[in-house]
Amino acid sequence: MAQLTKLAIATNSIVLKEMLQGLFEIDNARDFKFIRETHTMVIELTTRCKKRGEQIAELEFLVGSNVSSDYVQLFRELQDAKLEKAWTMMKLISETHLKVLKKISFIVQMRKK
């Protein structure tokens, strides 16, 4: 697509610019779909982490039990792993948003030429 972009700018072709815009819209739709799906997964993951946090708090009240302390430790490890996964997904969403904004900026600049 980069070569097509250079060609459209060099030739000042309206047809090529329109083709690029069509490709951009398709690519953009895919990016936004990915963002929505990832955001939904992050929300679900956050909900599960909150529930797990409540379970950890309940288990901590069972003082003196080896089983309860083992469960608390296991839940904390799971919680940390899930929270890290949620953070990674949010970072991915931000990167995809940035990619989309760069494409929009490019299309705006191309239309001006």
Protein backbone atom coordinates (compact mmCIF):
# COMPACT_ATOMS: atom_id res chain seq x y z
CA MET A 1 0.00 0.00 0.00
CA ALA A 2 2.96 2.32 0.57
CA GLN A 3 3.93 2.07 -3.09
CA LEU A 4 0.36 2.83 -4.14
CA THR A 5 0.40 5.88 -1.89
CA LYS A 6 3.60 7.22 -3.48
CA LEU A 7 2.18 6.57 -6.94
CA ALA A 8 -1.08 8.37 -6.14
CA ILE A 9 0.78 11.41 -4.83
CA ALA A 10 3.32 11.44 -7.69
CA THR A 11 0.70 11.15 -10.43
CA ASN A 12 -1.87 13.30 -8.62
CA SER A 13 -4.43 10.68 -9.68
CA ILE A 14 -7.96 11.12 -8.35
CA VAL A 15 -8.79 7.48 -9.15
CA LEU A 16 -5.80 6.21 -7.19
CA LYS A 17 -6.61 8.55 -4.31
CA GLU A 18 -10.18 7.21 -4.23
CA MET A 19 -8.86 3.65 -4.33
CA LEU A 20 -6.57 4.45 -1.40
CA GLN A 21 -9.47 5.94 0.50
CA GLY A 22 -11.50 2.76 -0.09
CA LEU A 23 -8.63 0.59 1.12
CA PHE A 24 -8.20 2.88 4.10
CA GLU A 25 -11.87 2.58 5.05
CA ILE A 26 -11.75 -1.22 4.87
CA ASP A 27 -8.55 -1.34 6.92
CA ASN A 28 -9.97 1.18 9.38
CA ALA A 29 -13.16 -0.88 9.84
CA ARG A 30 -11.02 -3.93 10.67
CA ASP A 31 -9.01 -1.92 13.20
CA PHE A 32 -12.11 -0.58 14.94
CA LYS A 33 -13.65 -4.07 15.04
CA PHE A 34 -10.46 -5.35 16.66
CA ILE A 35 -10.55 -2.48 19.17
CA ARG A 36 -14.19 -3.19 20.10
CA GLU A 37 -13.54 -6.92 20.56
CA THR A 38 -10.40 -6.31 22.62
CA HIS A 39 -12.19 -3.73 24.76
CA THR A 40 -14.97 -6.23 25.46
CA MET A 41 -12.38 -8.83 26.50
CA VAL A 42 -10.72 -6.31 28.82
CA ILE A 43 -14.06 -5.51 30.47
CA GLU A 44 -14.80 -9.21 31.01
CA LEU A 45 -11.29 -9.79 32.35
CA THR A 46 -11.62 -6.86 34.74
CA THR A 47 -14.92 -8.22 36.03
CA ARG A 48 -13.36 -11.62 36.68
CA CYS A 49 -10.40 -9.97 38.44
CA LYS A 50 -12.78 -8.05 40.73
CA LYS A 51 -14.62 -11.26 41.62
CA ARG A 52 -11.33 -13.00 42.28
CA GLY A 53 -10.27 -10.09 44.50
CA GLU A 54 -13.44 -10.55 46.54
CA GLN A 55 -12.69 -14.26 46.88
CA ILE A 56 -9.16 -13.47 48.04
CA ALA A 57 -10.53 -11.09 50.67
CA GLU A 58 -12.97 -13.76 51.92
CA LEU A 59 -10.24 -16.39 52.11
CA GLU A 60 -7.94 -14.09 54.05
CA PHE A 61 -10.44 -14.17 56.91
CA LEU A 62 -9.77 -17.89 57.35
CA VAL A 63 -6.65 -17.25 59.41
CA GLY A 64 -4.48 -20.18 60.41
CA SER A 65 -5.52 -22.55 57.66
CA ASN A 66 -2.73 -23.78 55.37
CA VAL A 67 -5.26 -24.53 52.66
CA SER A 68 -6.70 -21.01 52.78
CA SER A 69 -3.24 -19.40 52.64
CA ASP A 70 -2.32 -21.60 49.67
CA TYR A 71 -5.53 -20.56 47.91
CA VAL A 72 -4.90 -16.91 48.68
CA GLN A 73 -1.40 -17.18 47.19
CA LEU A 74 -2.74 -18.97 44.09
CA PHE A 75 -5.49 -16.40 43.62
CA ARG A 76 -3.01 -13.54 43.97
CA GLU A 77 -0.77 -15.07 41.30
CA LEU A 78 -3.75 -15.56 38.98
CA GLN A 79 -4.91 -12.02 39.69
CA ASP A 80 -1.49 -10.57 38.85
CA ALA A 81 -1.31 -12.55 35.61
CA LYS A 82 -4.81 -11.51 34.56
CA LEU A 83 -4.21 -7.85 35.40
CA GLU A 84 -1.01 -7.90 33.36
CA LYS A 85 -2.94 -9.41 30.46
CA ALA A 86 -5.57 -6.65 30.74
CA TRP A 87 -2.83 -4.00 30.76
CA THR A 88 -1.28 -5.55 27.63
CA MET A 89 -4.65 -5.51 25.87
CA MET A 90 -5.23 -1.87 26.76
CA LYS A 91 -1.78 -1.04 25.40
CA LEU A 92 -2.68 -2.86 22.18
CA ILE A 93 -5.90 -0.85 21.92
CA SER A 94 -3.94 2.39 22.33
CA GLU A 95 -1.43 1.36 19.66
CA THR A 96 -4.25 0.50 17.25
CA HIS A 97 -5.93 3.85 17.93
CA LEU A 98 -2.65 5.60 17.14
CA LYS A 99 -2.33 3.62 13.91
CA VAL A 100 -5.84 4.66 12.87
CA LEU A 101 -5.15 8.32 13.69
CA LYS A 102 -1.98 8.24 11.58
CA LYS A 103 -3.95 6.81 8.65
CA ILE A 104 -6.62 9.49 9.03
CA SER A 105 -3.94 12.19 9.08
CA PHE A 106 -2.38 10.73 5.94
CA ILE A 107 -5.71 10.67 4.09
CA VAL A 108 -6.39 14.28 5.07
CA GLN A 109 -2.97 15.34 3.79
CA MET A 110 -3.46 13.37 0.60
CA ARG A 111 -6.83 15.02 -0.07
CA LYS A 112 -5.23 18.45 0.30
CA LYS A 113 -2.71 17.69 -2.46
